[in-house]
N, C-alpha and C. Protein backbone atom coordinates (compact mmCIF):
# COMPACT_ATOMS: atom_id res chain seq x y z
N MET A 1 4.66 -73.03 -62.50
CA MET A 1 5.63 -71.96 -62.73
C MET A 1 6.42 -72.28 -63.99
N SER A 2 6.60 -71.29 -64.87
CA SER A 2 7.28 -71.53 -66.14
C SER A 2 8.77 -71.73 -65.92
N SER A 3 9.40 -72.42 -66.88
CA SER A 3 10.83 -72.68 -66.80
C SER A 3 11.63 -71.39 -66.92
N LYS A 4 11.06 -70.42 -67.68
CA LYS A 4 11.74 -69.14 -67.85
C LYS A 4 11.91 -68.43 -66.52
N ARG A 5 10.93 -68.52 -65.64
CA ARG A 5 11.00 -67.87 -64.34
C ARG A 5 11.96 -68.60 -63.42
N ARG A 6 12.08 -69.90 -63.58
CA ARG A 6 12.98 -70.69 -62.74
C ARG A 6 14.45 -70.36 -63.02
N VAL A 7 14.74 -69.88 -64.22
CA VAL A 7 16.13 -69.63 -64.59
C VAL A 7 16.68 -68.44 -63.80
N GLY A 8 15.87 -67.41 -63.59
CA GLY A 8 16.34 -66.22 -62.89
C GLY A 8 16.35 -66.40 -61.38
N ILE A 9 17.02 -65.43 -60.72
CA ILE A 9 17.07 -65.41 -59.26
C ILE A 9 16.18 -64.28 -58.78
N ALA A 10 15.31 -64.58 -57.85
CA ALA A 10 14.35 -63.59 -57.37
C ALA A 10 15.05 -62.39 -56.73
N HIS A 11 14.50 -61.23 -56.97
CA HIS A 11 15.03 -59.99 -56.40
C HIS A 11 15.07 -60.07 -54.88
N PHE A 12 14.06 -60.66 -54.28
CA PHE A 12 14.00 -60.77 -52.82
C PHE A 12 15.20 -61.55 -52.27
N LEU A 13 15.57 -62.63 -52.94
CA LEU A 13 16.69 -63.45 -52.49
C LEU A 13 18.01 -62.70 -52.63
N LEU A 14 18.17 -61.99 -53.74
CA LEU A 14 19.40 -61.24 -53.97
C LEU A 14 19.56 -60.13 -52.93
N ARG A 15 18.48 -59.44 -52.62
CA ARG A 15 18.56 -58.36 -51.65
C ARG A 15 18.82 -58.89 -50.24
N THR A 16 18.22 -60.01 -49.91
CA THR A 16 18.48 -60.62 -48.60
C THR A 16 19.92 -61.08 -48.49
N PHE A 17 20.44 -61.67 -49.55
CA PHE A 17 21.84 -62.11 -49.58
C PHE A 17 22.77 -60.90 -49.43
N GLU A 18 22.40 -59.80 -50.09
CA GLU A 18 23.20 -58.58 -50.02
C GLU A 18 23.22 -58.02 -48.59
N MET A 19 22.09 -58.09 -47.90
CA MET A 19 22.04 -57.63 -46.51
C MET A 19 23.02 -58.41 -45.64
N LEU A 20 23.03 -59.72 -45.84
CA LEU A 20 23.89 -60.58 -45.02
C LEU A 20 25.37 -60.37 -45.32
N ASP A 21 25.68 -59.89 -46.50
CA ASP A 21 27.07 -59.64 -46.87
C ASP A 21 27.50 -58.21 -46.58
N THR A 22 26.67 -57.45 -45.86
CA THR A 22 26.99 -56.07 -45.49
C THR A 22 27.49 -56.05 -44.05
N PRO A 23 28.80 -55.84 -43.84
CA PRO A 23 29.37 -55.92 -42.48
C PRO A 23 28.71 -54.98 -41.46
N LYS A 24 28.30 -53.79 -41.88
CA LYS A 24 27.76 -52.83 -40.93
C LYS A 24 26.39 -53.23 -40.38
N LEU A 25 25.79 -54.29 -40.96
CA LEU A 25 24.49 -54.75 -40.48
C LEU A 25 24.58 -55.99 -39.60
N LYS A 26 25.78 -56.38 -39.25
CA LYS A 26 25.96 -57.61 -38.48
C LYS A 26 25.30 -57.57 -37.10
N HIS A 27 25.09 -56.41 -36.59
CA HIS A 27 24.44 -56.31 -35.27
C HIS A 27 22.95 -56.58 -35.37
N LEU A 28 22.42 -56.65 -36.61
CA LEU A 28 20.99 -56.89 -36.81
C LEU A 28 20.71 -58.17 -37.58
N ILE A 29 21.51 -58.45 -38.61
CA ILE A 29 21.33 -59.65 -39.41
C ILE A 29 22.71 -60.21 -39.77
N GLU A 30 22.89 -61.53 -39.56
CA GLU A 30 24.24 -62.08 -39.71
C GLU A 30 24.17 -63.58 -40.02
N TRP A 31 25.16 -64.04 -40.77
CA TRP A 31 25.31 -65.47 -41.02
C TRP A 31 25.74 -66.18 -39.74
N SER A 32 25.39 -67.43 -39.63
CA SER A 32 25.90 -68.26 -38.53
C SER A 32 27.38 -68.57 -38.81
N PRO A 33 28.13 -68.98 -37.82
CA PRO A 33 29.55 -69.29 -38.04
C PRO A 33 29.78 -70.30 -39.18
N CYS A 34 28.89 -71.27 -39.32
CA CYS A 34 29.06 -72.28 -40.37
C CYS A 34 28.58 -71.80 -41.74
N GLY A 35 27.79 -70.71 -41.74
CA GLY A 35 27.30 -70.17 -43.00
C GLY A 35 26.14 -70.94 -43.61
N GLU A 36 25.52 -71.85 -42.86
CA GLU A 36 24.41 -72.65 -43.36
C GLU A 36 23.05 -72.02 -43.07
N LEU A 37 23.04 -71.04 -42.21
CA LEU A 37 21.79 -70.35 -41.85
C LEU A 37 22.13 -68.93 -41.42
N PHE A 38 21.10 -68.13 -41.13
CA PHE A 38 21.37 -66.76 -40.71
C PHE A 38 20.39 -66.35 -39.61
N TYR A 39 20.77 -65.28 -38.90
CA TYR A 39 19.98 -64.79 -37.77
C TYR A 39 19.52 -63.35 -38.01
N ILE A 40 18.35 -63.05 -37.52
CA ILE A 40 17.88 -61.66 -37.37
C ILE A 40 17.80 -61.42 -35.88
N LYS A 41 18.62 -60.52 -35.37
CA LYS A 41 18.82 -60.41 -33.93
C LYS A 41 17.78 -59.51 -33.24
N ASN A 42 17.40 -58.44 -33.91
CA ASN A 42 16.42 -57.51 -33.34
C ASN A 42 15.42 -57.18 -34.44
N SER A 43 14.30 -57.86 -34.42
CA SER A 43 13.34 -57.75 -35.52
C SER A 43 12.78 -56.33 -35.65
N LYS A 44 12.54 -55.66 -34.53
CA LYS A 44 11.95 -54.31 -34.57
C LYS A 44 12.92 -53.32 -35.18
N GLU A 45 14.15 -53.34 -34.72
CA GLU A 45 15.16 -52.42 -35.26
C GLU A 45 15.50 -52.78 -36.71
N PHE A 46 15.53 -54.08 -36.99
CA PHE A 46 15.78 -54.55 -38.35
C PHE A 46 14.70 -54.03 -39.31
N ALA A 47 13.45 -54.08 -38.87
CA ALA A 47 12.34 -53.64 -39.71
C ALA A 47 12.40 -52.14 -39.98
N HIS A 48 12.80 -51.34 -38.99
CA HIS A 48 12.77 -49.89 -39.13
C HIS A 48 14.03 -49.33 -39.79
N LYS A 49 15.17 -50.03 -39.67
CA LYS A 49 16.42 -49.47 -40.18
C LYS A 49 16.94 -50.16 -41.44
N VAL A 50 16.66 -51.44 -41.59
CA VAL A 50 17.23 -52.20 -42.71
C VAL A 50 16.24 -52.39 -43.85
N LEU A 51 15.05 -52.84 -43.54
CA LEU A 51 14.06 -53.11 -44.59
C LEU A 51 13.81 -51.92 -45.51
N PRO A 52 13.68 -50.69 -44.99
CA PRO A 52 13.44 -49.56 -45.91
C PRO A 52 14.57 -49.36 -46.92
N GLN A 53 15.79 -49.75 -46.57
CA GLN A 53 16.93 -49.57 -47.47
C GLN A 53 16.92 -50.58 -48.62
N TYR A 54 16.33 -51.75 -48.38
CA TYR A 54 16.39 -52.81 -49.38
C TYR A 54 15.03 -53.14 -50.00
N PHE A 55 13.94 -52.90 -49.26
CA PHE A 55 12.62 -53.27 -49.77
C PHE A 55 11.59 -52.13 -49.70
N ARG A 56 12.01 -50.96 -49.22
CA ARG A 56 11.15 -49.78 -49.18
C ARG A 56 9.88 -49.98 -48.33
N HIS A 57 9.98 -50.74 -47.29
CA HIS A 57 8.88 -50.87 -46.34
C HIS A 57 9.46 -51.25 -44.99
N ARG A 58 8.62 -51.20 -43.95
CA ARG A 58 9.07 -51.51 -42.59
C ARG A 58 8.24 -52.66 -41.99
N ASN A 59 7.71 -53.48 -42.84
CA ASN A 59 6.81 -54.55 -42.39
C ASN A 59 7.59 -55.86 -42.22
N PHE A 60 7.91 -56.17 -40.97
CA PHE A 60 8.68 -57.39 -40.71
C PHE A 60 7.87 -58.64 -41.03
N GLN A 61 6.56 -58.59 -40.80
CA GLN A 61 5.72 -59.74 -41.10
C GLN A 61 5.70 -60.04 -42.60
N SER A 62 5.75 -59.01 -43.40
CA SER A 62 5.81 -59.21 -44.84
C SER A 62 7.13 -59.87 -45.24
N PHE A 63 8.21 -59.47 -44.59
CA PHE A 63 9.51 -60.11 -44.85
C PHE A 63 9.48 -61.58 -44.46
N LEU A 64 8.88 -61.88 -43.31
CA LEU A 64 8.76 -63.28 -42.88
C LEU A 64 7.91 -64.08 -43.87
N ARG A 65 6.87 -63.46 -44.37
CA ARG A 65 5.99 -64.15 -45.32
C ARG A 65 6.74 -64.51 -46.60
N GLN A 66 7.59 -63.61 -47.04
CA GLN A 66 8.39 -63.89 -48.24
C GLN A 66 9.36 -65.05 -48.01
N LEU A 67 10.01 -65.04 -46.85
CA LEU A 67 10.92 -66.15 -46.53
C LEU A 67 10.16 -67.47 -46.50
N ASN A 68 8.98 -67.45 -45.93
CA ASN A 68 8.18 -68.67 -45.86
C ASN A 68 7.75 -69.14 -47.25
N MET A 69 7.46 -68.18 -48.13
CA MET A 69 7.07 -68.52 -49.49
C MET A 69 8.21 -69.19 -50.26
N TYR A 70 9.46 -68.89 -49.85
CA TYR A 70 10.62 -69.52 -50.48
C TYR A 70 11.12 -70.72 -49.68
N ASN A 71 10.26 -71.20 -48.78
CA ASN A 71 10.53 -72.44 -48.03
C ASN A 71 11.70 -72.34 -47.04
N PHE A 72 11.92 -71.14 -46.51
CA PHE A 72 12.90 -71.03 -45.44
C PHE A 72 12.27 -71.57 -44.15
N VAL A 73 13.07 -72.24 -43.37
CA VAL A 73 12.62 -72.78 -42.11
C VAL A 73 12.98 -71.79 -41.01
N LYS A 74 11.97 -71.39 -40.27
CA LYS A 74 12.17 -70.40 -39.22
C LYS A 74 12.19 -71.08 -37.86
N LYS A 75 13.05 -70.52 -36.98
CA LYS A 75 13.12 -71.03 -35.62
C LYS A 75 13.37 -69.86 -34.68
N ARG A 76 12.60 -69.84 -33.61
CA ARG A 76 12.75 -68.78 -32.61
C ARG A 76 13.70 -69.27 -31.53
N LEU A 77 14.81 -68.54 -31.32
CA LEU A 77 15.80 -68.94 -30.34
C LEU A 77 15.50 -68.35 -28.97
N LYS A 78 16.11 -68.93 -27.94
CA LYS A 78 15.85 -68.49 -26.57
C LYS A 78 16.30 -67.05 -26.31
N ASN A 79 17.33 -66.62 -27.02
CA ASN A 79 17.84 -65.25 -26.82
C ASN A 79 17.00 -64.20 -27.55
N GLY A 80 15.90 -64.66 -28.20
CA GLY A 80 15.02 -63.74 -28.89
C GLY A 80 15.32 -63.56 -30.36
N TRP A 81 16.40 -64.16 -30.84
CA TRP A 81 16.74 -64.05 -32.25
C TRP A 81 15.82 -64.94 -33.09
N ASN A 82 15.69 -64.58 -34.37
CA ASN A 82 14.99 -65.41 -35.34
C ASN A 82 16.02 -66.09 -36.24
N GLN A 83 15.92 -67.39 -36.36
CA GLN A 83 16.87 -68.16 -37.18
C GLN A 83 16.17 -68.65 -38.44
N PHE A 84 16.86 -68.56 -39.58
CA PHE A 84 16.30 -68.98 -40.86
C PHE A 84 17.31 -69.86 -41.60
N GLN A 85 16.74 -70.88 -42.26
CA GLN A 85 17.63 -71.82 -42.96
C GLN A 85 16.96 -72.34 -44.23
N HIS A 86 17.80 -72.49 -45.27
CA HIS A 86 17.36 -73.09 -46.54
C HIS A 86 18.57 -73.83 -47.12
N LYS A 87 18.34 -74.99 -47.65
CA LYS A 87 19.46 -75.82 -48.10
C LYS A 87 20.24 -75.21 -49.26
N TYR A 88 19.61 -74.27 -49.98
CA TYR A 88 20.31 -73.62 -51.09
C TYR A 88 20.63 -72.15 -50.81
N PHE A 89 20.47 -71.75 -49.58
CA PHE A 89 20.79 -70.38 -49.20
C PHE A 89 21.95 -70.44 -48.21
N LYS A 90 23.18 -70.27 -48.73
CA LYS A 90 24.38 -70.43 -47.91
C LYS A 90 25.38 -69.32 -48.21
N ARG A 91 26.18 -69.03 -47.20
CA ARG A 91 27.21 -68.00 -47.36
C ARG A 91 28.23 -68.42 -48.42
N GLU A 92 28.65 -67.45 -49.23
CA GLU A 92 29.63 -67.66 -50.30
C GLU A 92 29.17 -68.72 -51.31
N ALA A 93 27.86 -68.90 -51.43
CA ALA A 93 27.31 -69.84 -52.41
C ALA A 93 26.14 -69.18 -53.13
N LYS A 94 26.39 -68.01 -53.67
CA LYS A 94 25.33 -67.25 -54.32
C LYS A 94 24.79 -67.97 -55.56
N ASN A 95 25.65 -68.81 -56.16
CA ASN A 95 25.23 -69.54 -57.36
C ASN A 95 24.10 -70.52 -57.06
N LEU A 96 23.95 -70.91 -55.78
CA LEU A 96 22.89 -71.87 -55.42
C LEU A 96 21.51 -71.22 -55.35
N LEU A 97 21.45 -69.89 -55.36
CA LEU A 97 20.17 -69.20 -55.25
C LEU A 97 19.23 -69.53 -56.41
N ILE A 98 19.81 -69.98 -57.51
CA ILE A 98 18.99 -70.32 -58.67
C ILE A 98 18.06 -71.50 -58.38
N HIS A 99 18.39 -72.25 -57.34
CA HIS A 99 17.59 -73.42 -56.97
C HIS A 99 16.52 -73.09 -55.92
N VAL A 100 16.49 -71.84 -55.46
CA VAL A 100 15.49 -71.43 -54.47
C VAL A 100 14.28 -70.88 -55.23
N HIS A 101 13.14 -71.56 -55.09
CA HIS A 101 11.95 -71.17 -55.85
C HIS A 101 10.81 -70.83 -54.91
N ARG A 102 9.99 -69.96 -55.40
CA ARG A 102 8.83 -69.52 -54.65
C ARG A 102 7.67 -70.49 -54.87
N ARG A 103 6.94 -70.79 -53.79
CA ARG A 103 5.79 -71.66 -53.90
C ARG A 103 4.65 -70.94 -54.62
N SER A 104 3.81 -71.68 -55.29
CA SER A 104 2.65 -71.10 -55.94
C SER A 104 1.62 -70.71 -54.88
N ASN A 105 0.65 -69.89 -55.26
CA ASN A 105 -0.38 -69.42 -54.32
C ASN A 105 -1.17 -70.57 -53.72
N GLY A 106 -1.34 -71.64 -54.49
CA GLY A 106 -2.11 -72.78 -54.01
C GLY A 106 -1.41 -73.58 -52.94
N GLN A 107 -0.11 -73.31 -52.75
CA GLN A 107 0.68 -74.06 -51.78
C GLN A 107 0.95 -73.27 -50.49
N CYS A 108 0.22 -72.22 -50.31
CA CYS A 108 0.42 -71.41 -49.09
C CYS A 108 0.03 -72.23 -47.86
N SER A 109 0.82 -72.09 -46.85
CA SER A 109 0.58 -72.85 -45.62
C SER A 109 -0.41 -72.12 -44.73
N ASP A 110 -0.91 -72.84 -43.71
CA ASP A 110 -1.79 -72.22 -42.73
C ASP A 110 -1.09 -71.10 -41.98
N GLU A 111 0.21 -71.28 -41.78
CA GLU A 111 0.98 -70.25 -41.08
C GLU A 111 1.00 -68.95 -41.88
N GLU A 112 1.15 -69.08 -43.19
CA GLU A 112 1.15 -67.89 -44.04
C GLU A 112 -0.19 -67.18 -43.99
N GLU A 113 -1.28 -67.96 -44.06
CA GLU A 113 -2.60 -67.36 -43.99
C GLU A 113 -2.81 -66.65 -42.66
N GLN A 114 -2.31 -67.27 -41.60
CA GLN A 114 -2.43 -66.64 -40.29
C GLN A 114 -1.62 -65.35 -40.22
N ILE A 115 -0.44 -65.37 -40.83
CA ILE A 115 0.39 -64.17 -40.85
C ILE A 115 -0.30 -63.06 -41.63
N ASP A 116 -0.91 -63.45 -42.76
CA ASP A 116 -1.63 -62.47 -43.57
C ASP A 116 -2.78 -61.84 -42.79
N GLN A 117 -3.52 -62.68 -42.08
CA GLN A 117 -4.64 -62.18 -41.30
C GLN A 117 -4.16 -61.25 -40.19
N GLN A 118 -3.10 -61.66 -39.50
CA GLN A 118 -2.57 -60.84 -38.42
C GLN A 118 -2.04 -59.51 -38.95
N ASP A 119 -1.40 -59.60 -40.11
CA ASP A 119 -0.86 -58.39 -40.72
C ASP A 119 -2.00 -57.44 -41.11
N SER A 120 -3.08 -57.99 -41.68
CA SER A 120 -4.22 -57.18 -42.08
C SER A 120 -4.89 -56.53 -40.87
N ILE A 121 -5.06 -57.31 -39.81
CA ILE A 121 -5.67 -56.78 -38.58
C ILE A 121 -4.80 -55.68 -37.99
N LYS A 122 -3.51 -55.90 -38.00
CA LYS A 122 -2.58 -54.91 -37.45
C LYS A 122 -2.65 -53.60 -38.24
N LYS A 123 -2.71 -53.73 -39.56
CA LYS A 123 -2.80 -52.52 -40.40
C LYS A 123 -4.10 -51.77 -40.13
N GLN A 124 -5.21 -52.51 -39.97
CA GLN A 124 -6.49 -51.87 -39.69
C GLN A 124 -6.45 -51.15 -38.34
N GLN A 125 -5.85 -51.80 -37.36
CA GLN A 125 -5.74 -51.18 -36.03
C GLN A 125 -4.89 -49.92 -36.08
N GLU A 126 -3.79 -49.99 -36.83
CA GLU A 126 -2.93 -48.82 -36.95
C GLU A 126 -3.66 -47.69 -37.66
N LEU A 127 -4.43 -48.04 -38.69
CA LEU A 127 -5.19 -47.03 -39.42
C LEU A 127 -6.25 -46.38 -38.53
N LEU A 128 -6.96 -47.21 -37.75
CA LEU A 128 -7.97 -46.68 -36.84
C LEU A 128 -7.33 -45.78 -35.79
N GLN A 129 -6.15 -46.17 -35.32
CA GLN A 129 -5.45 -45.37 -34.32
C GLN A 129 -5.03 -44.02 -34.91
N GLN A 130 -4.57 -44.04 -36.16
CA GLN A 130 -4.19 -42.80 -36.82
C GLN A 130 -5.40 -41.88 -37.01
N ILE A 131 -6.55 -42.49 -37.37
CA ILE A 131 -7.77 -41.71 -37.53
C ILE A 131 -8.17 -41.07 -36.20
N LYS A 132 -8.03 -41.85 -35.13
CA LYS A 132 -8.38 -41.34 -33.79
C LYS A 132 -7.47 -40.18 -33.42
N TYR A 133 -6.17 -40.31 -33.70
CA TYR A 133 -5.23 -39.22 -33.42
C TYR A 133 -5.59 -37.97 -34.22
N LEU A 134 -5.96 -38.17 -35.49
CA LEU A 134 -6.33 -37.04 -36.34
C LEU A 134 -7.58 -36.34 -35.81
N GLN A 135 -8.56 -37.14 -35.37
CA GLN A 135 -9.78 -36.56 -34.81
C GLN A 135 -9.47 -35.74 -33.57
N ASN A 136 -8.62 -36.27 -32.70
CA ASN A 136 -8.24 -35.54 -31.50
C ASN A 136 -7.51 -34.24 -31.85
N ASP A 137 -6.64 -34.33 -32.86
CA ASP A 137 -5.91 -33.13 -33.29
C ASP A 137 -6.88 -32.08 -33.83
N ILE A 138 -7.89 -32.53 -34.58
CA ILE A 138 -8.87 -31.59 -35.15
C ILE A 138 -9.65 -30.90 -34.03
N VAL A 139 -10.06 -31.69 -33.02
CA VAL A 139 -10.82 -31.12 -31.90
C VAL A 139 -9.96 -30.11 -31.14
N LEU A 140 -8.72 -30.47 -30.85
CA LEU A 140 -7.82 -29.57 -30.12
C LEU A 140 -7.53 -28.31 -30.93
N THR A 141 -7.31 -28.50 -32.22
CA THR A 141 -7.02 -27.34 -33.08
C THR A 141 -8.21 -26.41 -33.16
N SER A 142 -9.41 -26.98 -33.29
CA SER A 142 -10.62 -26.17 -33.35
C SER A 142 -10.82 -25.37 -32.06
N SER A 143 -10.60 -26.03 -30.93
CA SER A 143 -10.74 -25.35 -29.63
C SER A 143 -9.72 -24.22 -29.50
N PHE A 144 -8.51 -24.50 -29.92
CA PHE A 144 -7.46 -23.48 -29.84
C PHE A 144 -7.79 -22.28 -30.73
N LEU A 145 -8.24 -22.56 -31.95
CA LEU A 145 -8.57 -21.48 -32.88
C LEU A 145 -9.74 -20.64 -32.36
N PHE A 146 -10.73 -21.31 -31.72
CA PHE A 146 -11.87 -20.58 -31.15
C PHE A 146 -11.40 -19.66 -30.04
N GLN A 147 -10.53 -20.16 -29.17
CA GLN A 147 -10.01 -19.34 -28.08
C GLN A 147 -9.23 -18.15 -28.61
N GLN A 148 -8.42 -18.39 -29.64
CA GLN A 148 -7.65 -17.30 -30.23
C GLN A 148 -8.56 -16.27 -30.88
N SER A 149 -9.66 -16.76 -31.48
CA SER A 149 -10.62 -15.85 -32.11
C SER A 149 -11.26 -14.95 -31.06
N VAL A 150 -11.64 -15.53 -29.93
CA VAL A 150 -12.24 -14.73 -28.85
C VAL A 150 -11.25 -13.69 -28.34
N ILE A 151 -10.00 -14.10 -28.17
CA ILE A 151 -8.96 -13.17 -27.69
C ILE A 151 -8.75 -12.04 -28.68
N LEU A 152 -8.69 -12.38 -29.96
CA LEU A 152 -8.48 -11.36 -31.00
C LEU A 152 -9.65 -10.39 -31.07
N GLN A 153 -10.86 -10.91 -30.95
CA GLN A 153 -12.04 -10.05 -30.96
C GLN A 153 -12.01 -9.08 -29.78
N GLY A 154 -11.64 -9.59 -28.61
CA GLY A 154 -11.54 -8.72 -27.43
C GLY A 154 -10.48 -7.65 -27.61
N ASN A 155 -9.32 -8.05 -28.13
CA ASN A 155 -8.24 -7.08 -28.37
C ASN A 155 -8.66 -6.04 -29.40
N PHE A 156 -9.35 -6.49 -30.43
CA PHE A 156 -9.81 -5.57 -31.47
C PHE A 156 -10.80 -4.55 -30.91
N GLN A 157 -11.72 -5.03 -30.08
CA GLN A 157 -12.73 -4.14 -29.51
C GLN A 157 -12.08 -3.12 -28.58
N ARG A 158 -11.11 -3.58 -27.77
CA ARG A 158 -10.41 -2.66 -26.87
C ARG A 158 -9.62 -1.61 -27.66
N LEU A 159 -8.98 -2.05 -28.73
CA LEU A 159 -8.23 -1.12 -29.57
C LEU A 159 -9.17 -0.12 -30.24
N LYS A 160 -10.31 -0.63 -30.69
CA LYS A 160 -11.30 0.24 -31.32
C LYS A 160 -11.80 1.30 -30.35
N ASN A 161 -12.12 0.87 -29.13
CA ASN A 161 -12.58 1.81 -28.10
C ASN A 161 -11.50 2.84 -27.76
N LYS A 162 -10.26 2.38 -27.71
CA LYS A 162 -9.16 3.28 -27.38
C LYS A 162 -8.98 4.33 -28.47
N LEU A 163 -9.02 3.88 -29.73
CA LEU A 163 -8.87 4.82 -30.84
C LEU A 163 -10.03 5.80 -30.90
N LEU A 164 -11.24 5.30 -30.62
CA LEU A 164 -12.41 6.18 -30.61
C LEU A 164 -12.29 7.23 -29.51
N TYR A 165 -11.85 6.81 -28.33
CA TYR A 165 -11.66 7.75 -27.22
C TYR A 165 -10.61 8.80 -27.56
N GLN A 166 -9.51 8.34 -28.17
CA GLN A 166 -8.46 9.28 -28.57
C GLN A 166 -8.98 10.27 -29.60
N TYR A 167 -9.80 9.77 -30.53
CA TYR A 167 -10.35 10.65 -31.56
C TYR A 167 -11.26 11.72 -30.95
N ILE A 168 -12.12 11.30 -30.01
CA ILE A 168 -13.02 12.23 -29.34
C ILE A 168 -12.23 13.28 -28.56
N GLU A 169 -11.21 12.85 -27.84
CA GLU A 169 -10.39 13.77 -27.07
C GLU A 169 -9.66 14.74 -27.98
N GLU A 170 -9.17 14.23 -29.11
CA GLU A 170 -8.48 15.11 -30.06
C GLU A 170 -9.45 16.13 -30.65
N GLN A 171 -10.69 15.68 -30.91
CA GLN A 171 -11.69 16.61 -31.44
C GLN A 171 -12.02 17.69 -30.41
N LYS A 172 -12.15 17.30 -29.15
CA LYS A 172 -12.41 18.26 -28.09
C LYS A 172 -11.26 19.26 -27.98
N GLN A 173 -10.05 18.72 -28.00
CA GLN A 173 -8.88 19.58 -27.87
C GLN A 173 -8.77 20.52 -29.07
N GLU A 174 -9.04 19.99 -30.25
CA GLU A 174 -8.98 20.81 -31.46
C GLU A 174 -10.03 21.92 -31.42
N LYS A 175 -11.25 21.58 -30.95
CA LYS A 175 -12.32 22.56 -30.84
C LYS A 175 -11.98 23.64 -29.82
N PHE A 176 -11.39 23.22 -28.71
CA PHE A 176 -10.99 24.17 -27.67
C PHE A 176 -9.91 25.11 -28.18
N LEU A 177 -8.91 24.54 -28.87
CA LEU A 177 -7.84 25.36 -29.41
C LEU A 177 -8.36 26.33 -30.46
N PHE A 178 -9.30 25.86 -31.28
CA PHE A 178 -9.87 26.72 -32.31
C PHE A 178 -10.64 27.89 -31.69
N SER A 179 -11.43 27.60 -30.65
CA SER A 179 -12.20 28.65 -29.97
C SER A 179 -11.26 29.66 -29.32
N THR A 180 -10.22 29.15 -28.67
CA THR A 180 -9.26 30.04 -28.01
C THR A 180 -8.56 30.93 -29.01
N PHE A 181 -8.14 30.32 -30.12
CA PHE A 181 -7.45 31.07 -31.15
C PHE A 181 -8.37 32.15 -31.74
N SER A 182 -9.65 31.80 -31.92
CA SER A 182 -10.61 32.76 -32.48
C SER A 182 -10.80 33.94 -31.54
N LEU A 183 -10.92 33.69 -30.26
CA LEU A 183 -11.09 34.76 -29.28
C LEU A 183 -9.87 35.66 -29.24
N LEU A 184 -8.67 35.04 -29.26
CA LEU A 184 -7.45 35.82 -29.24
C LEU A 184 -7.33 36.68 -30.48
N ASN A 185 -7.67 36.09 -31.62
CA ASN A 185 -7.59 36.80 -32.89
C ASN A 185 -8.57 37.98 -32.91
N LYS A 186 -9.76 37.75 -32.41
CA LYS A 186 -10.77 38.80 -32.35
C LYS A 186 -10.36 39.91 -31.41
N SER A 187 -9.77 39.55 -30.30
CA SER A 187 -9.33 40.54 -29.32
C SER A 187 -8.25 41.42 -29.90
N GLN A 188 -7.30 40.78 -30.64
CA GLN A 188 -6.21 41.54 -31.24
C GLN A 188 -6.72 42.43 -32.37
N THR A 189 -7.77 42.00 -33.05
CA THR A 189 -8.31 42.78 -34.18
C THR A 189 -9.18 43.94 -33.71
N ASP A 190 -9.99 43.70 -32.72
CA ASP A 190 -10.94 44.71 -32.24
C ASP A 190 -10.28 45.77 -31.38
N SER A 191 -9.25 45.52 -30.69
CA SER A 191 -8.62 46.45 -29.76
C SER A 191 -8.12 47.72 -30.44
N PRO A 192 -7.39 47.66 -31.57
CA PRO A 192 -6.96 48.91 -32.24
C PRO A 192 -8.13 49.72 -32.74
N LYS A 193 -9.16 49.06 -33.27
CA LYS A 193 -10.34 49.77 -33.77
C LYS A 193 -11.03 50.53 -32.65
N LEU A 194 -11.14 49.89 -31.52
CA LEU A 194 -11.78 50.53 -30.39
C LEU A 194 -10.99 51.75 -29.93
N THR A 195 -9.69 51.58 -29.89
CA THR A 195 -8.82 52.69 -29.47
C THR A 195 -8.93 53.87 -30.44
N GLN A 196 -8.92 53.55 -31.73
CA GLN A 196 -9.03 54.60 -32.76
C GLN A 196 -10.36 55.32 -32.66
N THR A 197 -11.41 54.58 -32.38
CA THR A 197 -12.74 55.20 -32.26
C THR A 197 -12.78 56.17 -31.08
N ILE A 198 -12.20 55.77 -29.99
CA ILE A 198 -12.17 56.62 -28.81
C ILE A 198 -11.36 57.89 -29.07
N LEU A 199 -10.21 57.73 -29.74
CA LEU A 199 -9.37 58.90 -30.04
C LEU A 199 -10.09 59.88 -30.97
N THR A 200 -10.75 59.34 -31.95
CA THR A 200 -11.48 60.18 -32.91
C THR A 200 -12.59 60.96 -32.22
N GLN A 201 -13.30 60.27 -31.38
CA GLN A 201 -14.40 60.93 -30.65
C GLN A 201 -13.87 62.03 -29.74
N ASN A 202 -12.77 61.80 -29.14
CA ASN A 202 -12.17 62.80 -28.26
C ASN A 202 -11.70 64.01 -29.05
N ARG A 203 -11.15 63.74 -30.24
CA ARG A 203 -10.67 64.84 -31.08
C ARG A 203 -11.83 65.72 -31.53
N LYS A 204 -12.93 65.09 -31.89
CA LYS A 204 -14.10 65.86 -32.31
C LYS A 204 -14.60 66.75 -31.18
N GLU A 205 -14.63 66.20 -30.05
CA GLU A 205 -15.12 66.98 -28.90
C GLU A 205 -14.19 68.15 -28.58
N THR A 206 -12.91 67.98 -28.80
CA THR A 206 -11.91 69.02 -28.50
C THR A 206 -11.97 70.14 -29.53
N ASP A 207 -12.19 69.81 -30.78
CA ASP A 207 -12.18 70.80 -31.87
C ASP A 207 -13.48 71.63 -31.92
N GLN A 208 -14.49 71.27 -31.29
CA GLN A 208 -15.74 72.04 -31.32
C GLN A 208 -15.57 73.39 -30.62
N GLU A 209 -16.13 74.53 -31.24
CA GLU A 209 -16.09 75.86 -30.61
C GLU A 209 -17.05 75.91 -29.43
N PRO A 210 -16.69 76.67 -28.47
CA PRO A 210 -17.58 76.77 -27.31
C PRO A 210 -18.84 77.54 -27.66
N GLN A 211 -19.93 77.17 -27.26
CA GLN A 211 -21.21 77.79 -27.54
C GLN A 211 -21.54 78.82 -26.44
N LEU A 212 -22.16 79.97 -26.89
CA LEU A 212 -22.54 80.99 -25.93
C LEU A 212 -24.01 80.87 -25.62
N PHE A 213 -24.30 80.99 -24.45
CA PHE A 213 -25.70 80.90 -24.03
C PHE A 213 -26.18 82.32 -23.61
N VAL A 214 -27.27 82.82 -24.22
CA VAL A 214 -27.76 84.18 -23.92
C VAL A 214 -28.92 84.04 -22.95
N LEU A 215 -28.76 84.85 -21.92
CA LEU A 215 -29.80 84.79 -20.90
C LEU A 215 -30.88 85.81 -21.28
N SER A 216 -32.08 85.44 -21.27
CA SER A 216 -33.19 86.33 -21.58
C SER A 216 -33.60 87.11 -20.35
């Protein structure tokens, strides 16, 4: 590792120190009374609520791996808390962080490799589970859409039949009304003509002179 990199303080250390100095997070991560070490009280809640704010991820194993890379000593307490300690990571001693250095890749411990493998397996399992959920959703959605399609087709056919029946009935009614109107119109038109013809014929018969018949 170059001397230039040793001069600076790693972003991971600064963000972790900042978390510990945030009073509202004491129920999840907190310094010990002596300030020589710190606790993570609820790893699951810490990963989901705190890590995204400072590291933009929710992977607690990744956070543990980083601490291990900086030579923090981890201890699991009986109450379920995780305890971490480093001789240069102390409360109100931020200036000491310059002495906390990350190990090179060649110095990774067996524990780190095991964590990496477990993390990789967990990610694969989560991915497979998500794929399975998506497949189930696709099957359910397809079935639902098919059922809706059948229902819509049935409704459409019934509506079509109803409209066709209404159209036929309207045509019948229109034809009946037209025939009735035609008969009425013809009756009203022909009646005066008939009356006039009868009157004319009667007048002709009345105006004729009587004929004399001579007996031989």
